[in-house]
Amino acid sequence: MPEPIIRAKQLAYVRVEATDRAKAEKFLKEFGLQTVERTKDRTYLRGTDAQAPCYILSQGSGSVTTIAFEADSLEDLRKLAALPYVSDVETLDETSGGQVVRLTDPLGMTVEIVHGRQPLAAMDAAPSHAFNMDGRRERVGELPAVSYGPSHVRRLGHLVLESADPPLLYSWYHEHFGLTKSDAVVLPEGPPQMIFSRLDRGEDYVDHHVIGFQFALDEGTRVQHVAFEVGNLDDLMAGHEYLKRRKYKNVWGIGRHLLGGQIFDYWKSPFGLIHEHWTDTDLLNDQHQAGDCAIGKMRDYWGPEPTPAFLVSRWNFKVIKNLVRILKARSRTSA
């Protein structure tokens, strides 16, 4: 594959539209994000880490409209801006400041690359404690530190981008931002059902994936879910119970993924976008050798199967065709 134009530093934020902005903000706060600022058109939300807002909410259709990465330098923005289909370097007209360039990926998703945004001070994270496990007795004379209420979201970690052509999108994001393959889930005839890609930060360890490029059963294009790191397992479980008591829709979890390794819990927002809590992900660097996992061997370490509400974003005849094809593939490769 060609040498990337830049290598992104991290996933910065998503811009999300909701049909009812106030109702969406209520869900996000009960999910564990914190409101930083409200303007006439936007609500800015953050996690507890010392970063600029990671979730920018506005009124609209109920989908992710923009994916944003942070660049290492202003020079990286200038490299991208030299391309004929990229905007000029502009000042980001938001409280966090910084500069931005804007691109559109091959299937129409807006991508912003930012540099120089001012981070917010860190907030109190989830309480934590030692564990008396694996034969060790490390928590002695004290009760567990577990809080009641929403999970403590730390940061935006990754997202899954659905399309009819995951290899096309992966190639484009690799070429422009240096995303590199960690693993893939493949069908017997060869094409991937999912490509897990991570940031390329050389020897530095990064999350197993920052974008998963997934085949959409309805062959549409969308961000299928956005995923946020929470403090620890107790924090994830406390948030699960809190959201369940408020009658939000749990669409998958709790479990531990095979590829990525994280403990996960997925919830569908009132405006239809799936949001994930996760903790304890695999960390990889440039020594990792990417592998392919046959779809019939794709089983999580533990946890329930995903619900139809997680798997299918929109029902049409293509969904039925592709479900039959994938189920046949799983039965062949698992035999």
C-alpha atoms as a PDB file:
ATOM      1  CA  MET A   1       0.000   0.000   0.000  1.00  0.00           C
ATOM      2  CA  PRO A   2       1.209   3.580  -0.615  1.00  0.00           C
ATOM      3  CA  GLU A   3       2.982   5.614   2.061  1.00  0.00           C
ATOM      4  CA  PRO A   4       0.343   7.612   4.020  1.00  0.00           C
ATOM      5  CA  ILE A   5       0.142  11.369   3.570  1.00  0.00           C
ATOM      6  CA  ILE A   6       0.011  11.822   7.361  1.00  0.00           C
ATOM      7  CA  ARG A   7      -0.305   9.554  10.381  1.00  0.00           C
ATOM      8  CA  ALA A   8      -3.171  10.698  12.584  1.00  0.00           C
ATOM      9  CA  LYS A   9      -2.465  11.175  16.292  1.00  0.00           C
ATOM     10  CA  GLN A  10      -5.868  10.179  17.669  1.00  0.00           C
ATOM     11  CA  LEU A  11      -9.596  10.192  17.057  1.00  0.00           C
ATOM     12  CA  ALA A  12     -10.638  13.696  18.093  1.00  0.00           C
ATOM     13  CA  TYR A  13     -14.439  13.905  18.008  1.00  0.00           C
ATOM     14  CA  VAL A  14     -17.617  13.097  16.136  1.00  0.00           C
ATOM     15  CA  ARG A  15     -20.293  15.511  15.004  1.00  0.00           C
ATOM     16  CA  VAL A  16     -23.706  13.967  15.554  1.00  0.00           C
ATOM     17  CA  GLU A  17     -27.214  15.079  14.649  1.00  0.00           C
ATOM     18  CA  ALA A  18     -30.256  14.133  16.734  1.00  0.00           C
ATOM     19  CA  THR A  19     -33.920  14.643  15.980  1.00  0.00           C
ATOM     20  CA  ASP A  20     -34.481  15.984  19.518  1.00  0.00           C
ATOM     21  CA  ARG A  21     -31.352  17.723  20.798  1.00  0.00           C
ATOM     22  CA  ALA A  22     -32.519  18.076  24.410  1.00  0.00           C
ATOM     23  CA  LYS A  23     -33.573  14.431  24.652  1.00  0.00           C
ATOM     24  CA  ALA A  24     -30.277  13.365  23.074  1.00  0.00           C
ATOM     25  CA  GLU A  25     -28.272  15.412  25.578  1.00  0.00           C
ATOM     26  CA  LYS A  26     -30.171  13.794  28.448  1.00  0.00           C
ATOM     27  CA  PHE A  27     -29.268  10.325  27.136  1.00  0.00           C
ATOM     28  CA  LEU A  28     -25.619  11.272  26.633  1.00  0.00           C
ATOM     29  CA  LYS A  29     -25.313  12.587  30.193  1.00  0.00           C
ATOM     30  CA  GLU A  30     -26.931   9.427  31.562  1.00  0.00           C
ATOM     31  CA  PHE A  31     -24.547   7.455  29.330  1.00  0.00           C
ATOM     32  CA  GLY A  32     -21.661   9.201  31.100  1.00  0.00           C
ATOM     33  CA  LEU A  33     -20.583  12.194  28.991  1.00  0.00           C
ATOM     34  CA  GLN A  34     -20.409  15.683  30.495  1.00  0.00           C
ATOM     35  CA  THR A  35     -21.826  18.840  28.880  1.00  0.00           C
ATOM     36  CA  VAL A  36     -19.196  21.554  28.431  1.00  0.00           C
ATOM     37  CA  GLU A  37     -21.030  24.208  26.442  1.00  0.00           C
ATOM     38  CA  ARG A  38     -24.324  24.913  24.699  1.00  0.00           C
ATOM     39  CA  THR A  39     -24.690  27.356  21.837  1.00  0.00           C
ATOM     40  CA  LYS A  40     -27.710  28.126  19.688  1.00  0.00           C
ATOM     41  CA  ASP A  41     -26.799  25.320  17.290  1.00  0.00           C
ATOM     42  CA  ARG A  42     -24.563  22.883  19.165  1.00  0.00           C
ATOM     43  CA  THR A  43     -23.960  21.080  22.443  1.00  0.00           C
ATOM     44  CA  TYR A  44     -20.376  20.117  23.300  1.00  0.00           C
ATOM     45  CA  LEU A  45     -19.714  17.083  25.504  1.00  0.00           C
ATOM     46  CA  ARG A  46     -16.566  15.554  26.952  1.00  0.00           C
ATOM     47  CA  GLY A  47     -15.114  12.660  28.922  1.00  0.00           C
ATOM     48  CA  THR A  48     -13.032  12.872  32.082  1.00  0.00           C
ATOM     49  CA  ASP A  49      -9.634  12.806  30.322  1.00  0.00           C
ATOM     50  CA  ALA A  50      -7.787  16.066  29.692  1.00  0.00           C
ATOM     51  CA  GLN A  51      -8.953  16.590  26.128  1.00  0.00           C
ATOM     52  CA  ALA A  52     -11.127  18.993  24.151  1.00  0.00           C
ATOM     53  CA  PRO A  53     -14.798  17.971  23.657  1.00  0.00           C
ATOM     54  CA  CYS A  54     -15.181  14.639  21.865  1.00  0.00           C
ATOM     55  CA  TYR A  55     -18.900  14.783  20.989  1.00  0.00           C
ATOM     56  CA  ILE A  56     -20.541  17.711  19.188  1.00  0.00           C
ATOM     57  CA  LEU A  57     -24.328  17.460  19.059  1.00  0.00           C
ATOM     58  CA  SER A  58     -26.718  19.374  16.822  1.00  0.00           C
ATOM     59  CA  GLN A  59     -30.314  19.133  15.597  1.00  0.00           C
ATOM     60  CA  GLY A  60     -30.903  16.996  12.536  1.00  0.00           C
ATOM     61  CA  SER A  61     -31.311  13.574  11.031  1.00  0.00           C
ATOM     62  CA  GLY A  62     -30.038  11.307  13.828  1.00  0.00           C
ATOM     63  CA  SER A  63     -26.663  10.241  12.432  1.00  0.00           C
ATOM     64  CA  VAL A  64     -22.943  10.934  12.584  1.00  0.00           C
ATOM     65  CA  THR A  65     -22.165  13.626  10.017  1.00  0.00           C
ATOM     66  CA  THR A  66     -18.430  14.073  10.643  1.00  0.00           C
ATOM     67  CA  ILE A  67     -15.476  12.006  11.866  1.00  0.00           C
ATOM     68  CA  ALA A  68     -12.494  14.014  13.152  1.00  0.00           C
ATOM     69  CA  PHE A  69      -8.863  13.074  13.735  1.00  0.00           C
ATOM     70  CA  GLU A  70      -6.166  15.060  15.494  1.00  0.00           C
ATOM     71  CA  ALA A  71      -2.927  15.650  13.587  1.00  0.00           C
ATOM     72  CA  ASP A  72       0.573  15.903  15.037  1.00  0.00           C
ATOM     73  CA  SER A  73       1.306  19.304  13.536  1.00  0.00           C
ATOM     74  CA  LEU A  74       0.096  22.222  11.479  1.00  0.00           C
ATOM     75  CA  GLU A  75       2.439  20.959   8.765  1.00  0.00           C
ATOM     76  CA  ASP A  76       0.307  17.787   8.541  1.00  0.00           C
ATOM     77  CA  LEU A  77      -2.745  19.939   7.830  1.00  0.00           C
ATOM     78  CA  ARG A  78      -0.810  21.757   5.103  1.00  0.00           C
ATOM     79  CA  LYS A  79       0.181  18.450   3.495  1.00  0.00           C
ATOM     80  CA  LEU A  80      -3.481  17.480   3.254  1.00  0.00           C
ATOM     81  CA  ALA A  81      -4.576  20.952   2.112  1.00  0.00           C
ATOM     82  CA  ALA A  82      -2.179  20.671  -0.853  1.00  0.00           C
ATOM     83  CA  LEU A  83      -4.451  17.977  -2.313  1.00  0.00           C
ATOM     84  CA  PRO A  84      -6.938  19.289  -4.909  1.00  0.00           C
ATOM     85  CA  TYR A  85     -10.012  17.878  -3.149  1.00  0.00           C
ATOM     86  CA  VAL A  86      -9.219  19.140   0.379  1.00  0.00           C
ATOM     87  CA  SER A  87     -10.221  22.467   1.949  1.00  0.00           C
ATOM     88  CA  ASP A  88      -7.707  25.130   2.863  1.00  0.00           C
ATOM     89  CA  VAL A  89      -6.396  25.231   6.419  1.00  0.00           C
ATOM     90  CA  GLU A  90      -9.031  27.175   8.350  1.00  0.00           C
ATOM     91  CA  THR A  91      -9.492  28.401  11.912  1.00  0.00           C
ATOM     92  CA  LEU A  92     -11.921  26.189  13.794  1.00  0.00           C
ATOM     93  CA  ASP A  93     -14.725  28.499  14.907  1.00  0.00           C
ATOM     94  CA  GLU A  94     -15.332  26.841  18.278  1.00  0.00           C
ATOM     95  CA  THR A  95     -14.310  27.507  21.874  1.00  0.00           C
ATOM     96  CA  SER A  96     -11.494  24.949  21.810  1.00  0.00           C
ATOM     97  CA  GLY A  97      -9.890  26.800  18.907  1.00  0.00           C
ATOM     98  CA  GLY A  98      -7.328  25.218  16.610  1.00  0.00           C
ATOM     99  CA  GLN A  99      -7.054  24.740  12.858  1.00  0.00           C
ATOM    100  CA  VAL A 100      -8.891  22.316  10.577  1.00  0.00           C
ATOM    101  CA  VAL A 101      -8.959  20.906   7.059  1.00  0.00           C
ATOM    102  CA  ARG A 102     -11.969  19.066   5.656  1.00  0.00           C
ATOM    103  CA  LEU A 103     -12.189  16.100   3.283  1.00  0.00           C
ATOM    104  CA  THR A 104     -14.923  13.793   2.029  1.00  0.00           C
ATOM    105  CA  ASP A 105     -14.242  10.065   1.943  1.00  0.00           C
ATOM    106  CA  PRO A 106     -15.141   7.966  -1.159  1.00  0.00           C
ATOM    107  CA  LEU A 107     -18.652   7.209   0.114  1.00  0.00           C
ATOM    108  CA  GLY A 108     -19.561  10.713   1.287  1.00  0.00           C
ATOM    109  CA  MET A 109     -18.569  10.932   4.973  1.00  0.00           C
ATOM    110  CA  THR A 110     -17.100  14.278   6.024  1.00  0.00           C
ATOM    111  CA  VAL A 111     -13.713  13.969   7.734  1.00  0.00           C
ATOM    112  CA  GLU A 112     -12.073  16.811   9.653  1.00  0.00           C
ATOM    113  CA  ILE A 113      -8.388  16.872  10.619  1.00  0.00           C
ATOM    114  CA  VAL A 114      -7.607  19.270  13.462  1.00  0.00           C
ATOM    115  CA  HIS A 115      -4.552  20.604  15.238  1.00  0.00           C
ATOM    116  CA  GLY A 116      -4.041  23.000  18.122  1.00  0.00           C
ATOM    117  CA  ARG A 117      -7.314  22.569  19.992  1.00  0.00           C
ATOM    118  CA  GLN A 118      -6.978  23.551  23.653  1.00  0.00           C
ATOM    119  CA  PRO A 119      -7.512  20.619  26.038  1.00  0.00           C
ATOM    120  CA  LEU A 120      -9.814  20.873  29.019  1.00  0.00           C
ATOM    121  CA  ALA A 121      -8.548  20.023  32.501  1.00  0.00           C
ATOM    122  CA  ALA A 122      -9.062  16.435  33.589  1.00  0.00           C
ATOM    123  CA  MET A 123     -12.143  15.646  35.677  1.00  0.00           C
ATOM    124  CA  ASP A 124     -12.612  13.125  38.468  1.00  0.00           C
ATOM    125  CA  ALA A 125     -12.452   9.644  36.981  1.00  0.00           C
ATOM    126  CA  ALA A 126     -14.310   6.534  38.097  1.00  0.00           C
ATOM    127  CA  PRO A 127     -13.382   5.229  41.550  1.00  0.00           C
ATOM    128  CA  SER A 128     -11.154   2.176  41.483  1.00  0.00           C
ATOM    129  CA  HIS A 129      -9.821  -0.428  43.876  1.00  0.00           C
ATOM    130  CA  ALA A 130      -7.544  -3.441  44.043  1.00  0.00           C
ATOM    131  CA  PHE A 131      -8.980  -6.931  43.462  1.00  0.00           C
ATOM    132  CA  ASN A 132      -8.753 -10.080  45.544  1.00  0.00           C
ATOM    133  CA  MET A 133      -8.465 -12.357  42.497  1.00  0.00           C
ATOM    134  CA  ASP A 134      -6.075 -14.849  40.905  1.00  0.00           C
ATOM    135  CA  GLY A 135      -5.069 -16.023  44.369  1.00  0.00           C
ATOM    136  CA  ARG A 136      -3.887 -12.554  45.395  1.00  0.00           C
ATOM    137  CA  ARG A 137      -5.216 -10.717  48.461  1.00  0.00           C
ATOM    138  CA  GLU A 138      -4.608  -7.060  47.648  1.00  0.00           C
ATOM    139  CA  ARG A 139      -7.788  -5.352  48.880  1.00  0.00           C
ATOM    140  CA  VAL A 140      -7.640  -5.890  52.620  1.00  0.00           C
ATOM    141  CA  GLY A 141      -9.538  -4.015  55.279  1.00  0.00           C
ATOM    142  CA  GLU A 142     -11.491  -1.886  52.778  1.00  0.00           C
ATOM    143  CA  LEU A 143     -14.735  -2.163  50.844  1.00  0.00           C
ATOM    144  CA  PRO A 144     -14.867  -1.916  47.026  1.00  0.00           C
ATOM    145  CA  ALA A 145     -14.859   1.608  45.589  1.00  0.00           C
ATOM    146  CA  VAL A 146     -17.926   1.465  43.361  1.00  0.00           C
ATOM    147  CA  SER A 147     -20.202   4.418  42.622  1.00  0.00           C
ATOM    148  CA  TYR A 148     -23.892   4.390  41.783  1.00  0.00           C
ATOM    149  CA  GLY A 149     -25.036   6.275  38.711  1.00  0.00           C
ATOM    150  CA  PRO A 150     -23.781   6.742  35.161  1.00  0.00           C
ATOM    151  CA  SER A 151     -20.498   5.298  33.974  1.00  0.00           C
ATOM    152  CA  HIS A 152     -17.561   7.709  33.877  1.00  0.00           C
ATOM    153  CA  VAL A 153     -16.752   8.052  30.170  1.00  0.00           C
ATOM    154  CA  ARG A 154     -13.051   8.819  29.776  1.00  0.00           C
ATOM    155  CA  ARG A 155     -12.734   9.399  26.047  1.00  0.00           C
ATOM    156  CA  LEU A 156     -13.948   8.580  22.564  1.00  0.00           C
ATOM    157  CA  GLY A 157     -12.034   5.445  21.565  1.00  0.00           C
ATOM    158  CA  HIS A 158     -13.282   4.139  18.224  1.00  0.00           C
ATOM    159  CA  LEU A 159     -16.171   3.824  15.817  1.00  0.00           C
ATOM    160  CA  VAL A 160     -17.426   1.388  13.190  1.00  0.00           C
ATOM    161  CA  LEU A 161     -18.021   2.669   9.664  1.00  0.00           C
ATOM    162  CA  GLU A 162     -20.421   0.500   7.659  1.00  0.00           C
ATOM    163  CA  SER A 163     -20.466   0.370   3.867  1.00  0.00           C
ATOM    164  CA  ALA A 164     -20.859  -1.975   0.909  1.00  0.00           C
ATOM    165  CA  ASP A 165     -17.093  -1.772   0.267  1.00  0.00           C
ATOM    166  CA  PRO A 166     -14.921  -1.967   3.419  1.00  0.00           C
ATOM    167  CA  PRO A 167     -11.621  -2.490   1.485  1.00  0.00           C
ATOM    168  CA  LEU A 168     -12.189   0.711  -0.520  1.00  0.00           C
ATOM    169  CA  LEU A 169     -12.730   2.778   2.616  1.00  0.00           C
ATOM    170  CA  TYR A 170      -9.866   1.163   4.518  1.00  0.00           C
ATOM    171  CA  SER A 171      -7.468   1.903   1.645  1.00  0.00           C
ATOM    172  CA  TRP A 172      -8.547   5.556   1.561  1.00  0.00           C
ATOM    173  CA  TYR A 173      -8.178   6.046   5.331  1.00  0.00           C
ATOM    174  CA  HIS A 174      -4.786   4.312   5.242  1.00  0.00           C
ATOM    175  CA  GLU A 175      -3.570   6.507   2.388  1.00  0.00           C
ATOM    176  CA  HIS A 176      -4.699   9.758   4.006  1.00  0.00           C
ATOM    177  CA  PHE A 177      -4.288   9.150   7.757  1.00  0.00           C
ATOM    178  CA  GLY A 178      -2.066   6.093   8.139  1.00  0.00           C
ATOM    179  CA  LEU A 179      -4.630   3.724   9.636  1.00  0.00           C
ATOM    180  CA  THR A 180      -3.220   0.215   9.579  1.00  0.00           C
ATOM    181  CA  LYS A 181      -4.853  -3.199   9.734  1.00  0.00           C
ATOM    182  CA  SER A 182      -4.870  -5.069  13.049  1.00  0.00           C
ATOM    183  CA  ASP A 183      -7.168  -7.955  12.096  1.00  0.00           C
ATOM    184  CA  ALA A 184      -9.964  -8.808   9.685  1.00  0.00           C
ATOM    185  CA  VAL A 185     -12.992 -11.082   9.697  1.00  0.00           C
ATOM    186  CA  VAL A 186     -13.200 -12.763   6.290  1.00  0.00           C
ATOM    187  CA  LEU A 187     -15.760 -14.754   4.326  1.00  0.00           C
ATOM    188  CA  PRO A 188     -14.792 -18.020   2.566  1.00  0.00           C
ATOM    189  CA  GLU A 189     -14.833 -16.370  -0.864  1.00  0.00           C
ATOM    190  CA  GLY A 190     -12.282 -13.834   0.304  1.00  0.00           C
ATOM    191  CA  PRO A 191     -13.753 -10.353   0.918  1.00  0.00           C
ATOM    192  CA  PRO A 192     -13.659  -9.073   4.488  1.00  0.00           C
ATOM    193  CA  GLN A 193     -16.793  -8.698   6.568  1.00  0.00           C
ATOM    194  CA  MET A 194     -14.820  -6.405   8.897  1.00  0.00           C
ATOM    195  CA  ILE A 195     -11.369  -4.771   8.827  1.00  0.00           C
ATOM    196  CA  PHE A 196     -10.169  -3.578  12.235  1.00  0.00           C
ATOM    197  CA  SER A 197      -7.715  -0.691  11.805  1.00  0.00           C
ATOM    198  CA  ARG A 198      -5.594   1.141  14.369  1.00  0.00           C
ATOM    199  CA  LEU A 199      -3.511   4.289  14.438  1.00  0.00           C
ATOM    200  CA  ASP A 200       0.077   3.898  13.263  1.00  0.00           C
ATOM    201  CA  ARG A 201       2.216   5.374  16.047  1.00  0.00           C
ATOM    202  CA  GLY A 202       5.298   3.243  15.479  1.00  0.00           C
ATOM    203  CA  GLU A 203       6.631   1.683  18.691  1.00  0.00           C
ATOM    204  CA  ASP A 204       3.963   3.346  20.830  1.00  0.00           C
ATOM    205  CA  TYR A 205       1.110   1.073  21.891  1.00  0.00           C
ATOM    206  CA  VAL A 206      -2.373   2.083  20.741  1.00  0.00           C
ATOM    207  CA  ASP A 207      -5.887   0.644  20.945  1.00  0.00           C
ATOM    208  CA  HIS A 208      -6.493  -2.460  18.802  1.00  0.00           C
ATOM    209  CA  HIS A 209      -8.755  -0.399  16.553  1.00  0.00           C
ATOM    210  CA  VAL A 210      -9.780   3.188  15.995  1.00  0.00           C
ATOM    211  CA  ILE A 211     -12.089   2.445  13.033  1.00  0.00           C
ATOM    212  CA  GLY A 212     -13.690  -0.847  12.130  1.00  0.00           C
ATOM    213  CA  PHE A 213     -14.634  -0.967   8.444  1.00  0.00           C
ATOM    214  CA  GLN A 214     -17.677  -3.233   8.386  1.00  0.00           C
ATOM    215  CA  PHE A 215     -19.785  -4.642   5.559  1.00  0.00           C
ATOM    216  CA  ALA A 216     -23.306  -3.202   5.891  1.00  0.00           C
ATOM    217  CA  LEU A 217     -26.013  -5.818   5.523  1.00  0.00           C
ATOM    218  CA  ASP A 218     -28.257  -3.267   3.787  1.00  0.00           C
ATOM    219  CA  GLU A 219     -25.220  -2.043   1.761  1.00  0.00           C
ATOM    220  CA  GLY A 220     -25.729   1.508   3.039  1.00  0.00           C
ATOM    221  CA  THR A 221     -23.054   3.834   4.436  1.00  0.00           C
ATOM    222  CA  ARG A 222     -23.084   5.120   8.011  1.00  0.00           C
ATOM    223  CA  VAL A 223     -21.294   5.180  11.333  1.00  0.00           C
ATOM    224  CA  GLN A 224     -22.865   2.106  12.930  1.00  0.00           C
ATOM    225  CA  HIS A 225     -21.686   2.843  16.468  1.00  0.00           C
ATOM    226  CA  VAL A 226     -19.407   5.109  18.482  1.00  0.00           C
ATOM    227  CA  ALA A 227     -17.431   3.660  21.401  1.00  0.00           C
ATOM    228  CA  PHE A 228     -16.218   5.227  24.639  1.00  0.00           C
ATOM    229  CA  GLU A 229     -13.734   3.997  27.209  1.00  0.00           C
ATOM    230  CA  VAL A 230     -15.019   3.902  30.789  1.00  0.00           C
ATOM    231  CA  GLY A 231     -13.000   3.649  33.965  1.00  0.00           C
ATOM    232  CA  ASN A 232     -13.077  -0.060  34.800  1.00  0.00           C
ATOM    233  CA  LEU A 233     -15.319  -3.112  34.935  1.00  0.00           C
ATOM    234  CA  ASP A 234     -17.260  -1.945  38.002  1.00  0.00           C
ATOM    235  CA  ASP A 235     -17.835   1.414  36.310  1.00  0.00           C
ATOM    236  CA  LEU A 236     -19.140  -0.315  33.190  1.00  0.00           C
ATOM    237  CA  MET A 237     -21.452  -2.564  35.218  1.00  0.00           C
ATOM    238  CA  ALA A 238     -22.762   0.337  37.304  1.00  0.00           C
ATOM    239  CA  GLY A 239     -23.523   2.264  34.110  1.00  0.00           C
ATOM    240  CA  HIS A 240     -25.281  -0.764  32.653  1.00  0.00           C
ATOM    241  CA  GLU A 241     -27.637  -0.986  35.620  1.00  0.00           C
ATOM    242  CA  TYR A 242     -28.209   2.778  35.583  1.00  0.00           C
ATOM    243  CA  LEU A 243     -29.191   2.804  31.878  1.00  0.00           C
ATOM    244  CA  LYS A 244     -31.328  -0.328  32.285  1.00  0.00           C
ATOM    245  CA  ARG A 245     -33.324   1.262  35.102  1.00  0.00           C
ATOM    246  CA  ARG A 246     -33.999   4.244  32.837  1.00  0.00           C
ATOM    247  CA  LYS A 247     -35.434   1.907  30.158  1.00  0.00           C
ATOM    248  CA  TYR A 248     -32.836   2.555  27.478  1.00  0.00           C
ATOM    249  CA  LYS A 249     -32.389  -0.200  24.883  1.00  0.00           C
ATOM    250  CA  ASN A 250     -29.444  -2.544  25.413  1.00  0.00           C
ATOM    251  CA  VAL A 251     -28.618  -4.099  22.020  1.00  0.00           C
ATOM    252  CA  TRP A 252     -25.575  -6.220  22.894  1.00  0.00           C
ATOM    253  CA  GLY A 253     -23.624  -7.100  26.007  1.00  0.00           C
ATOM    254  CA  ILE A 254     -22.173  -7.469  28.430  1.00  0.00           C
ATOM    255  CA  GLY A 255     -19.329  -9.564  26.943  1.00  0.00           C
ATOM    256  CA  ARG A 256     -15.648  -9.663  25.988  1.00  0.00           C
ATOM    257  CA  HIS A 257     -14.687  -9.421  22.313  1.00  0.00           C
ATOM    258  CA  LEU A 258     -12.264 -11.843  20.683  1.00  0.00           C
ATOM    259  CA  LEU A 259     -10.754  -9.239  18.326  1.00  0.00           C
ATOM    260  CA  GLY A 260      -9.879  -6.178  20.376  1.00  0.00           C
ATOM    261  CA  GLY A 261     -10.303  -7.955  23.684  1.00  0.00           C
ATOM    262  CA  GLN A 262     -12.414  -5.262  25.291  1.00  0.00           C
ATOM    263  CA  ILE A 263     -15.292  -5.832  27.684  1.00  0.00           C
ATOM    264  CA  PHE A 264     -18.268  -4.252  25.905  1.00  0.00           C
ATOM    265  CA  ASP A 265     -21.816  -3.003  26.439  1.00  0.00           C
ATOM    266  CA  TYR A 266     -23.870  -1.466  23.589  1.00  0.00           C
ATOM    267  CA  TRP A 267     -26.884   0.853  23.916  1.00  0.00           C
ATOM    268  CA  LYS A 268     -29.145   2.369  21.272  1.00  0.00           C
ATOM    269  CA  SER A 269     -29.814   6.051  21.816  1.00  0.00           C
ATOM    270  CA  PRO A 270     -33.306   7.584  21.496  1.00  0.00           C
ATOM    271  CA  PHE A 271     -32.213   8.965  18.098  1.00  0.00           C
ATOM    272  CA  GLY A 272     -31.052   5.573  16.800  1.00  0.00           C
ATOM    273  CA  LEU A 273     -27.248   5.711  17.002  1.00  0.00           C
ATOM    274  CA  ILE A 274     -25.586   2.898  18.965  1.00  0.00           C
ATOM    275  CA  HIS A 275     -23.171   3.930  21.739  1.00  0.00           C
ATOM    276  CA  GLU A 276     -20.711   1.507  23.338  1.00  0.00           C
ATOM    277  CA  HIS A 277     -19.118   1.452  26.767  1.00  0.00           C
ATOM    278  CA  TRP A 278     -15.855  -0.529  26.846  1.00  0.00           C
ATOM    279  CA  THR A 279     -12.901  -1.175  29.102  1.00  0.00           C
ATOM    280  CA  ASP A 280      -9.681  -3.252  29.006  1.00  0.00           C
ATOM    281  CA  THR A 281      -8.859  -3.287  25.290  1.00  0.00           C
ATOM    282  CA  ASP A 282      -5.860  -4.935  23.607  1.00  0.00           C
ATOM    283  CA  LEU A 283      -2.932  -2.578  22.897  1.00  0.00           C
ATOM    284  CA  LEU A 284      -0.732  -3.065  19.813  1.00  0.00           C
ATOM    285  CA  ASN A 285       2.261  -1.423  18.146  1.00  0.00           C
ATOM    286  CA  ASP A 286       4.187  -1.827  14.892  1.00  0.00           C
ATOM    287  CA  GLN A 287       5.426  -5.268  15.957  1.00  0.00           C
ATOM    288  CA  HIS A 288       1.920  -6.708  15.602  1.00  0.00           C
ATOM    289  CA  GLN A 289       1.363  -9.059  12.669  1.00  0.00           C
ATOM    290  CA  ALA A 290      -2.115  -8.589  11.213  1.00  0.00           C
ATOM    291  CA  GLY A 291      -4.218 -11.715  10.829  1.00  0.00           C
ATOM    292  CA  ASP A 292      -7.457 -12.896   9.250  1.00  0.00           C
ATOM    293  CA  CYS A 293     -10.187 -14.660  11.210  1.00  0.00           C
ATOM    294  CA  ALA A 294     -12.625 -16.852   9.263  1.00  0.00           C
ATOM    295  CA  ILE A 295     -16.169 -15.749  10.006  1.00  0.00           C
ATOM    296  CA  GLY A 296     -17.084 -19.235  11.211  1.00  0.00           C
ATOM    297  CA  LYS A 297     -14.384 -19.022  13.885  1.00  0.00           C
ATOM    298  CA  MET A 298     -15.490 -15.585  15.045  1.00  0.00           C
ATOM    299  CA  ARG A 299     -16.709 -16.160  18.595  1.00  0.00           C
ATOM    300  CA  ASP A 300     -16.295 -13.742  21.483  1.00  0.00           C
ATOM    301  CA  TYR A 301     -14.559 -14.961  24.627  1.00  0.00           C
ATOM    302  CA  TRP A 302     -17.844 -14.722  26.520  1.00  0.00           C
ATOM    303  CA  GLY A 303     -21.184 -12.932  26.398  1.00  0.00           C
ATOM    304  CA  PRO A 304     -24.448 -13.099  24.448  1.00  0.00           C
ATOM    305  CA  GLU A 305     -24.926 -13.010  20.687  1.00  0.00           C
ATOM    306  CA  PRO A 306     -25.702  -9.573  19.183  1.00  0.00           C
ATOM    307  CA  THR A 307     -29.380  -8.688  18.808  1.00  0.00           C
ATOM    308  CA  PRO A 308     -31.006  -7.944  15.431  1.00  0.00           C
ATOM    309  CA  ALA A 309     -31.196  -4.287  16.522  1.00  0.00           C
ATOM    310  CA  PHE A 310     -27.392  -4.233  16.671  1.00  0.00           C
ATOM    311  CA  LEU A 311     -26.801  -6.096  13.412  1.00  0.00           C
ATOM    312  CA  VAL A 312     -29.322  -4.384  11.132  1.00  0.00           C
ATOM    313  CA  SER A 313     -29.488  -0.615  10.782  1.00  0.00           C
ATOM    314  CA  ARG A 314     -32.194  -0.637   8.106  1.00  0.00           C
ATOM    315  CA  TRP A 315     -34.210  -3.553   6.781  1.00  0.00           C
ATOM    316  CA  ASN A 316     -34.452  -4.160   3.018  1.00  0.00           C
ATOM    317  CA  PHE A 317     -34.162  -7.105   0.616  1.00  0.00           C
ATOM    318  CA  LYS A 318     -30.364  -6.792   0.577  1.00  0.00           C
ATOM    319  CA  VAL A 319     -30.312  -7.520   4.315  1.00  0.00           C
ATOM    320  CA  ILE A 320     -32.064 -10.863   3.806  1.00  0.00           C
ATOM    321  CA  LYS A 321     -29.744 -11.791   0.917  1.00  0.00           C
ATOM    322  CA  ASN A 322     -26.597 -10.891   2.819  1.00  0.00           C
ATOM    323  CA  LEU A 323     -27.735 -12.525   6.067  1.00  0.00           C
ATOM    324  CA  VAL A 324     -28.336 -15.807   4.232  1.00  0.00           C
ATOM    325  CA  ARG A 325     -24.926 -15.533   2.544  1.00  0.00           C
ATOM    326  CA  ILE A 326     -23.093 -14.852   5.823  1.00  0.00           C
ATOM    327  CA  LEU A 327     -24.947 -17.567   7.755  1.00  0.00           C
ATOM    328  CA  LYS A 328     -24.014 -20.106   5.050  1.00  0.00           C
ATOM    329  CA  ALA A 329     -20.411 -18.908   5.222  1.00  0.00           C
ATOM    330  CA  ARG A 330     -20.343 -19.304   9.005  1.00  0.00           C
ATOM    331  CA  SER A 331     -21.729 -22.832   8.811  1.00  0.00           C
ATOM    332  CA  ARG A 332     -19.116 -23.846   6.209  1.00  0.00           C
ATOM    333  CA  THR A 333     -16.111 -22.396   8.022  1.00  0.00           C
ATOM    334  CA  SER A 334     -17.164 -23.552  11.505  1.00  0.00           C
ATOM    335  CA  ALA A 335     -17.658 -27.175  10.465  1.00  0.00           C
END
